[in-house]
PDB file of N, CA and C in Angstrom:
ATOM      1  N   MET A   1      12.821   1.548  16.957  1.00  0.00           N
ATOM      2  CA  MET A   1      12.536   1.786  15.692  1.00  0.00           C
ATOM      3  C   MET A   1      10.899   1.752  15.800  1.00  0.00           C
ATOM      4  N   ALA A   2      10.538   2.683  15.143  1.00  0.00           N
ATOM      5  CA  ALA A   2       8.975   2.998  15.240  1.00  0.00           C
ATOM      6  C   ALA A   2       8.260   2.118  13.944  1.00  0.00           C
ATOM      7  N   LEU A   3       6.746   1.939  14.462  1.00  0.00           N
ATOM      8  CA  LEU A   3       6.218   1.010  13.592  1.00  0.00           C
ATOM      9  C   LEU A   3       5.147   2.074  12.783  1.00  0.00           C
ATOM     10  N   LEU A   4       4.724   1.710  11.871  1.00  0.00           N
ATOM     11  CA  LEU A   4       3.702   2.728  11.202  1.00  0.00           C
ATOM     12  C   LEU A   4       2.404   2.923  12.124  1.00  0.00           C
ATOM     13  N   HIS A   5       2.094   2.145  13.148  1.00  0.00           N
ATOM     14  CA  HIS A   5       0.728   2.044  13.690  1.00  0.00           C
ATOM     15  C   HIS A   5       0.994   3.178  14.847  1.00  0.00           C
ATOM     16  N   ASN A   6       1.963   3.621  15.266  1.00  0.00           N
ATOM     17  CA  ASN A   6       2.233   4.548  16.317  1.00  0.00           C
ATOM     18  C   ASN A   6       3.028   5.717  16.174  1.00  0.00           C
ATOM     19  N   VAL A   7       2.755   6.384  14.845  1.00  0.00           N
ATOM     20  CA  VAL A   7       3.272   7.678  14.209  1.00  0.00           C
ATOM     21  C   VAL A   7       2.388   8.775  14.699  1.00  0.00           C
ATOM     22  N   THR A   8       2.907   9.688  15.328  1.00  0.00           N
ATOM     23  CA  THR A   8       2.139  10.966  15.677  1.00  0.00           C
ATOM     24  C   THR A   8       2.141  11.969  14.536  1.00  0.00           C
ATOM     25  N   GLY A   9       1.243  12.985  14.535  1.00  0.00           N
ATOM     26  CA  GLY A   9       1.147  13.874  13.513  1.00  0.00           C
ATOM     27  C   GLY A   9       2.383  14.689  13.557  1.00  0.00           C
ATOM     28  N   SER A  10       2.954  15.093  14.577  1.00  0.00           N
ATOM     29  CA  SER A  10       4.176  16.012  14.922  1.00  0.00           C
ATOM     30  C   SER A  10       5.326  15.114  14.303  1.00  0.00           C
ATOM     31  N   SER A  11       5.426  13.804  14.613  1.00  0.00           N
ATOM     32  CA  SER A  11       6.680  13.215  14.020  1.00  0.00           C
ATOM     33  C   SER A  11       6.839  13.034  12.485  1.00  0.00           C
ATOM     34  N   LEU A  12       5.568  13.232  11.882  1.00  0.00           N
ATOM     35  CA  LEU A  12       5.388  13.046  10.451  1.00  0.00           C
ATOM     36  C   LEU A  12       5.636  14.411   9.958  1.00  0.00           C
ATOM     37  N   ILE A  13       5.119  15.561  10.433  1.00  0.00           N
ATOM     38  CA  ILE A  13       5.448  16.746  10.075  1.00  0.00           C
ATOM     39  C   ILE A  13       7.023  17.156   9.969  1.00  0.00           C
ATOM     40  N   ARG A  14       7.661  16.763  11.214  1.00  0.00           N
ATOM     41  CA  ARG A  14       9.168  16.917  11.142  1.00  0.00           C
ATOM     42  C   ARG A  14       9.881  16.288  10.109  1.00  0.00           C
ATOM     43  N   PHE A  15       9.357  14.961   9.764  1.00  0.00           N
ATOM     44  CA  PHE A  15       9.837  14.180   8.882  1.00  0.00           C
ATOM     45  C   PHE A  15       9.911  14.716   7.359  1.00  0.00           C
ATOM     46  N   MET A  16       8.731  15.492   7.155  1.00  0.00           N
ATOM     47  CA  MET A  16       8.326  16.037   5.950  1.00  0.00           C
ATOM     48  C   MET A  16       9.066  17.236   5.760  1.00  0.00           C
ATOM     49  N   GLN A  17       9.153  18.062   6.755  1.00  0.00           N
ATOM     50  CA  GLN A  17      10.252  19.260   6.835  1.00  0.00           C
ATOM     51  C   GLN A  17      11.658  18.766   6.456  1.00  0.00           C
ATOM     52  N   SER A  18      12.247  17.699   7.106  1.00  0.00           N
ATOM     53  CA  SER A  18      13.722  17.187   7.040  1.00  0.00           C
ATOM     54  C   SER A  18      13.817  16.836   5.294  1.00  0.00           C
ATOM     55  N   LEU A  19      12.541  16.428   4.565  1.00  0.00           N
ATOM     56  CA  LEU A  19      12.662  16.257   3.292  1.00  0.00           C
ATOM     57  C   LEU A  19      12.478  17.568   2.448  1.00  0.00           C
ATOM     58  N   GLY A  20      12.209  18.711   3.081  1.00  0.00           N
ATOM     59  CA  GLY A  20      12.254  19.995   2.250  1.00  0.00           C
ATOM     60  C   GLY A  20      11.136  20.530   2.032  1.00  0.00           C
ATOM     61  N   TYR A  21       9.784  20.040   2.628  1.00  0.00           N
ATOM     62  CA  TYR A  21       8.523  20.325   2.439  1.00  0.00           C
ATOM     63  C   TYR A  21       8.424  21.782   3.406  1.00  0.00           C
ATOM     64  N   VAL A  22       7.702  22.667   3.087  1.00  0.00           N
ATOM     65  CA  VAL A  22       7.532  23.676   3.703  1.00  0.00           C
ATOM     66  C   VAL A  22       6.076  24.230   4.059  1.00  0.00           C
ATOM     67  N   CYS A  23       5.591  24.247   5.359  1.00  0.00           N
ATOM     68  CA  CYS A  23       4.344  24.597   5.639  1.00  0.00           C
ATOM     69  C   CYS A  23       4.087  25.857   5.223  1.00  0.00           C
ATOM     70  N   GLU A  24       3.140  25.945   4.103  1.00  0.00           N
ATOM     71  CA  GLU A  24       2.649  27.120   3.659  1.00  0.00           C
ATOM     72  C   GLU A  24       1.306  27.767   4.525  1.00  0.00           C
ATOM     73  N   ARG A  25       0.375  26.995   5.066  1.00  0.00           N
ATOM     74  CA  ARG A  25      -0.464  27.360   5.650  1.00  0.00           C
ATOM     75  C   ARG A  25      -1.289  26.404   6.574  1.00  0.00           C
ATOM     76  N   GLN A  26      -2.094  26.684   7.466  1.00  0.00           N
ATOM     77  CA  GLN A  26      -2.687  25.979   8.520  1.00  0.00           C
ATOM     78  C   GLN A  26      -4.168  26.114   8.355  1.00  0.00           C
ATOM     79  N   ASN A  27      -4.977  25.154   8.061  1.00  0.00           N
ATOM     80  CA  ASN A  27      -6.508  25.443   7.966  1.00  0.00           C
ATOM     81  C   ASN A  27      -7.060  24.428   9.003  1.00  0.00           C
ATOM     82  N   GLY A  28      -7.405  24.439  10.373  1.00  0.00           N
ATOM     83  CA  GLY A  28      -8.058  23.985  11.353  1.00  0.00           C
ATOM     84  C   GLY A  28      -6.842  23.214  12.102  1.00  0.00           C
ATOM     85  N   SER A  29      -7.000  21.802  11.971  1.00  0.00           N
ATOM     86  CA  SER A  29      -6.059  20.941  12.504  1.00  0.00           C
ATOM     87  C   SER A  29      -5.312  20.177  11.228  1.00  0.00           C
ATOM     88  N   HIS A  30      -5.234  20.948  10.154  1.00  0.00           N
ATOM     89  CA  HIS A  30      -4.193  20.447   8.880  1.00  0.00           C
ATOM     90  C   HIS A  30      -3.093  21.458   8.433  1.00  0.00           C
ATOM     91  N   LYS A  31      -2.119  20.975   8.174  1.00  0.00           N
ATOM     92  CA  LYS A  31      -1.082  21.700   7.529  1.00  0.00           C
ATOM     93  C   LYS A  31      -1.016  21.406   6.257  1.00  0.00           C
ATOM     94  N   ILE A  32      -0.548  22.348   5.487  1.00  0.00           N
ATOM     95  CA  ILE A  32      -0.548  22.215   3.851  1.00  0.00           C
ATOM     96  C   ILE A  32       0.983  22.452   3.675  1.00  0.00           C
ATOM     97  N   PHE A  33       1.783  21.532   3.206  1.00  0.00           N
ATOM     98  CA  PHE A  33       2.871  21.554   2.945  1.00  0.00           C
ATOM     99  C   PHE A  33       2.950  21.645   1.241  1.00  0.00           C
ATOM    100  N   THR A  34       4.179  22.262   0.959  1.00  0.00           N
ATOM    101  CA  THR A  34       4.432  22.359  -0.661  1.00  0.00           C
ATOM    102  C   THR A  34       6.176  22.137  -0.660  1.00  0.00           C
ATOM    103  N   THR A  35       6.367  21.870  -2.003  1.00  0.00           N
ATOM    104  CA  THR A  35       7.766  21.823  -2.136  1.00  0.00           C
ATOM    105  C   THR A  35       8.383  22.802  -3.288  1.00  0.00           C
ATOM    106  N   GLN A  36       9.639  22.938  -3.640  1.00  0.00           N
ATOM    107  CA  GLN A  36       9.951  23.806  -4.654  1.00  0.00           C
ATOM    108  C   GLN A  36       9.410  23.605  -5.966  1.00  0.00           C
ATOM    109  N   ALA A  37       9.001  22.340  -6.144  1.00  0.00           N
ATOM    110  CA  ALA A  37       8.273  22.102  -7.301  1.00  0.00           C
ATOM    111  C   ALA A  37       6.762  22.198  -7.637  1.00  0.00           C
ATOM    112  N   GLY A  38       6.458  22.615  -6.357  1.00  0.00           N
ATOM    113  CA  GLY A  38       4.989  22.884  -6.456  1.00  0.00           C
ATOM    114  C   GLY A  38       4.017  21.789  -6.016  1.00  0.00           C
ATOM    115  N   LYS A  39       4.324  20.774  -5.553  1.00  0.00           N
ATOM    116  CA  LYS A  39       3.816  19.491  -4.977  1.00  0.00           C
ATOM    117  C   LYS A  39       3.284  19.946  -3.777  1.00  0.00           C
ATOM    118  N   THR A  40       1.829  19.608  -3.405  1.00  0.00           N
ATOM    119  CA  THR A  40       1.332  20.017  -2.213  1.00  0.00           C
ATOM    120  C   THR A  40       0.836  18.925  -1.557  1.00  0.00           C
ATOM    121  N   ILE A  41       0.651  18.657  -0.301  1.00  0.00           N
ATOM    122  CA  ILE A  41       0.471  17.594   0.523  1.00  0.00           C
ATOM    123  C   ILE A  41      -0.343  18.347   1.777  1.00  0.00           C
ATOM    124  N   VAL A  42      -1.510  17.506   2.088  1.00  0.00           N
ATOM    125  CA  VAL A  42      -2.071  18.164   3.461  1.00  0.00           C
ATOM    126  C   VAL A  42      -1.817  16.930   4.399  1.00  0.00           C
ATOM    127  N   VAL A  43      -1.494  17.518   5.640  1.00  0.00           N
ATOM    128  CA  VAL A  43      -1.069  16.627   6.793  1.00  0.00           C
ATOM    129  C   VAL A  43      -1.906  16.816   8.038  1.00  0.00           C
ATOM    130  N   PRO A  44      -2.449  15.844   8.705  1.00  0.00           N
ATOM    131  CA  PRO A  44      -3.095  16.247  10.035  1.00  0.00           C
ATOM    132  C   PRO A  44      -2.170  16.896  11.115  1.00  0.00           C
ATOM    133  N   ALA A  45      -2.455  17.827  11.462  1.00  0.00           N
ATOM    134  CA  ALA A  45      -1.227  18.372  12.705  1.00  0.00           C
ATOM    135  C   ALA A  45      -1.780  18.058  14.167  1.00  0.00           C
ATOM    136  N   TYR A  46      -1.657  16.694  14.149  1.00  0.00           N
ATOM    137  CA  TYR A  46      -1.880  16.127  15.550  1.00  0.00           C
ATOM    138  C   TYR A  46      -0.610  16.187  16.345  1.00  0.00           C
ATOM    139  N   LYS A  47      -0.684  16.737  17.565  1.00  0.00           N
ATOM    140  CA  LYS A  47       0.508  16.531  18.430  1.00  0.00           C
ATOM    141  C   LYS A  47       0.819  15.415  18.995  1.00  0.00           C
ATOM    142  N   LYS A  48      -0.170  14.991  19.681  1.00  0.00           N
ATOM    143  CA  LYS A  48      -0.062  13.466  20.518  1.00  0.00           C
ATOM    144  C   LYS A  48      -0.820  12.584  19.692  1.00  0.00           C
ATOM    145  N   LYS A  49      -2.036  12.597  18.979  1.00  0.00           N
ATOM    146  CA  LYS A  49      -2.688  11.653  18.219  1.00  0.00           C
ATOM    147  C   LYS A  49      -2.148  11.121  17.274  1.00  0.00           C
ATOM    148  N   ILE A  50      -2.233   9.599  17.345  1.00  0.00           N
ATOM    149  CA  ILE A  50      -1.768   8.707  16.254  1.00  0.00           C
ATOM    150  C   ILE A  50      -2.641   8.921  15.009  1.00  0.00           C
ATOM    151  N   VAL A  51      -1.759   9.264  13.828  1.00  0.00           N
ATOM    152  CA  VAL A  51      -2.149   9.029  12.658  1.00  0.00           C
ATOM    153  C   VAL A  51      -2.497   7.655  12.074  1.00  0.00           C
ATOM    154  N   LYS A  52      -3.544   7.616  11.710  1.00  0.00           N
ATOM    155  CA  LYS A  52      -4.110   6.054  11.198  1.00  0.00           C
ATOM    156  C   LYS A  52      -3.163   5.398  10.379  1.00  0.00           C
ATOM    157  N   THR A  53      -2.966   4.303  10.094  1.00  0.00           N
ATOM    158  CA  THR A  53      -2.011   3.759   9.186  1.00  0.00           C
ATOM    159  C   THR A  53      -2.486   3.880   7.674  1.00  0.00           C
ATOM    160  N   GLY A  54      -3.648   4.011   7.321  1.00  0.00           N
ATOM    161  CA  GLY A  54      -4.264   4.101   5.997  1.00  0.00           C
ATOM    162  C   GLY A  54      -3.507   5.532   5.590  1.00  0.00           C
ATOM    163  N   LEU A  55      -4.138   6.551   6.278  1.00  0.00           N
ATOM    164  CA  LEU A  55      -3.872   7.784   5.985  1.00  0.00           C
ATOM    165  C   LEU A  55      -2.193   8.100   5.762  1.00  0.00           C
ATOM    166  N   LEU A  56      -1.354   7.426   6.727  1.00  0.00           N
ATOM    167  CA  LEU A  56       0.003   7.608   6.597  1.00  0.00           C
ATOM    168  C   LEU A  56       0.345   6.728   5.454  1.00  0.00           C
ATOM    169  N   CYS A  57      -0.085   5.804   5.025  1.00  0.00           N
ATOM    170  CA  CYS A  57       0.795   5.165   3.940  1.00  0.00           C
ATOM    171  C   CYS A  57       0.197   6.038   2.549  1.00  0.00           C
ATOM    172  N   GLU A  58      -0.941   6.592   2.600  1.00  0.00           N
ATOM    173  CA  GLU A  58      -1.323   7.344   1.260  1.00  0.00           C
ATOM    174  C   GLU A  58      -0.261   8.585   1.483  1.00  0.00           C
ATOM    175  N   ILE A  59       0.032   9.224   2.622  1.00  0.00           N
ATOM    176  CA  ILE A  59       0.920  10.153   2.743  1.00  0.00           C
ATOM    177  C   ILE A  59       2.270   9.990   2.003  1.00  0.00           C
ATOM    178  N   LEU A  60       2.815   8.686   2.373  1.00  0.00           N
ATOM    179  CA  LEU A  60       4.043   8.459   1.855  1.00  0.00           C
ATOM    180  C   LEU A  60       3.961   7.895   0.548  1.00  0.00           C
ATOM    181  N   LYS A  61       3.090   7.604  -0.003  1.00  0.00           N
ATOM    182  CA  LYS A  61       2.756   7.369  -1.378  1.00  0.00           C
ATOM    183  C   LYS A  61       2.753   8.575  -2.169  1.00  0.00           C
ATOM    184  N   ASP A  62       2.172   9.698  -1.650  1.00  0.00           N
ATOM    185  CA  ASP A  62       2.099  10.858  -2.348  1.00  0.00           C
ATOM    186  C   ASP A  62       3.698  11.554  -2.203  1.00  0.00           C
ATOM    187  N   ILE A  63       4.505  11.160  -1.153  1.00  0.00           N
ATOM    188  CA  ILE A  63       5.897  11.844  -0.940  1.00  0.00           C
ATOM    189  C   ILE A  63       6.817  11.062  -1.873  1.00  0.00           C
ATOM    190  N   GLY A  64       6.512   9.712  -2.155  1.00  0.00           N
ATOM    191  CA  GLY A  64       7.389   8.999  -2.911  1.00  0.00           C
ATOM    192  C   GLY A  64       8.511   8.330  -2.013  1.00  0.00           C
ATOM    193  N   ILE A  65       7.882   7.927  -0.817  1.00  0.00           N
ATOM    194  CA  ILE A  65       8.695   7.338   0.303  1.00  0.00           C
ATOM    195  C   ILE A  65       8.334   6.056   0.555  1.00  0.00           C
ATOM    196  N   SER A  66       9.177   4.961   0.599  1.00  0.00           N
ATOM    197  CA  SER A  66       8.516   3.669   1.176  1.00  0.00           C
ATOM    198  C   SER A  66       8.371   3.437   2.554  1.00  0.00           C
ATOM    199  N   LYS A  67       7.487   2.418   2.883  1.00  0.00           N
ATOM    200  CA  LYS A  67       7.170   2.492   4.320  1.00  0.00           C
ATOM    201  C   LYS A  67       8.569   1.997   5.133  1.00  0.00           C
ATOM    202  N   ILE A  68       9.455   1.179   4.530  1.00  0.00           N
ATOM    203  CA  ILE A  68      10.712   0.655   5.160  1.00  0.00           C
ATOM    204  C   ILE A  68      11.584   1.958   5.310  1.00  0.00           C
ATOM    205  N   GLU A  69      11.729   2.813   4.005  1.00  0.00           N
ATOM    206  CA  GLU A  69      12.642   3.874   4.115  1.00  0.00           C
ATOM    207  C   GLU A  69      11.934   4.954   5.376  1.00  0.00           C
ATOM    208  N   PHE A  70      10.681   4.870   5.510  1.00  0.00           N
ATOM    209  CA  PHE A  70      10.245   5.961   6.331  1.00  0.00           C
ATOM    210  C   PHE A  70      10.184   5.323   8.105  1.00  0.00           C
ATOM    211  N   ILE A  71      10.165   4.088   8.178  1.00  0.00           N
ATOM    212  CA  ILE A  71      10.438   3.761   9.560  1.00  0.00           C
ATOM    213  C   ILE A  71      12.126   3.758   9.918  1.00  0.00           C
ATOM    214  N   HIS A  72      12.712   3.733   9.129  1.00  0.00           N
ATOM    215  CA  HIS A  72      14.255   3.846   9.480  1.00  0.00           C
ATOM    216  C   HIS A  72      14.622   5.220   9.464  1.00  0.00           C
ATOM    217  N   ALA A  73      13.812   6.144   8.863  1.00  0.00           N
ATOM    218  CA  ALA A  73      14.239   7.574   9.077  1.00  0.00           C
ATOM    219  C   ALA A  73      13.790   8.317  10.086  1.00  0.00           C
ATOM    220  N   ILE A  74      12.945   7.820  10.741  1.00  0.00           N
ATOM    221  CA  ILE A  74      12.399   8.390  12.147  1.00  0.00           C
ATOM    222  C   ILE A  74      12.588   7.591  13.224  1.00  0.00           C
TER     223      ILE A  74
END
């Protein structure tokens, strides 16, 4: 089981894609994801670098997923 303090950008991106988010474009090291409903979320595209806990919590809040659900899903 993963913890919130060791999640990479690539695992976060895979999780978002499994929820139906589509990468519309990339601007530098950030990918911009949208849904069918038009909701837009910007995610850092780190391959091996760890996403900081505060940023990860804000992204999860924007998605509407709790921390526990995220930990069990990845």
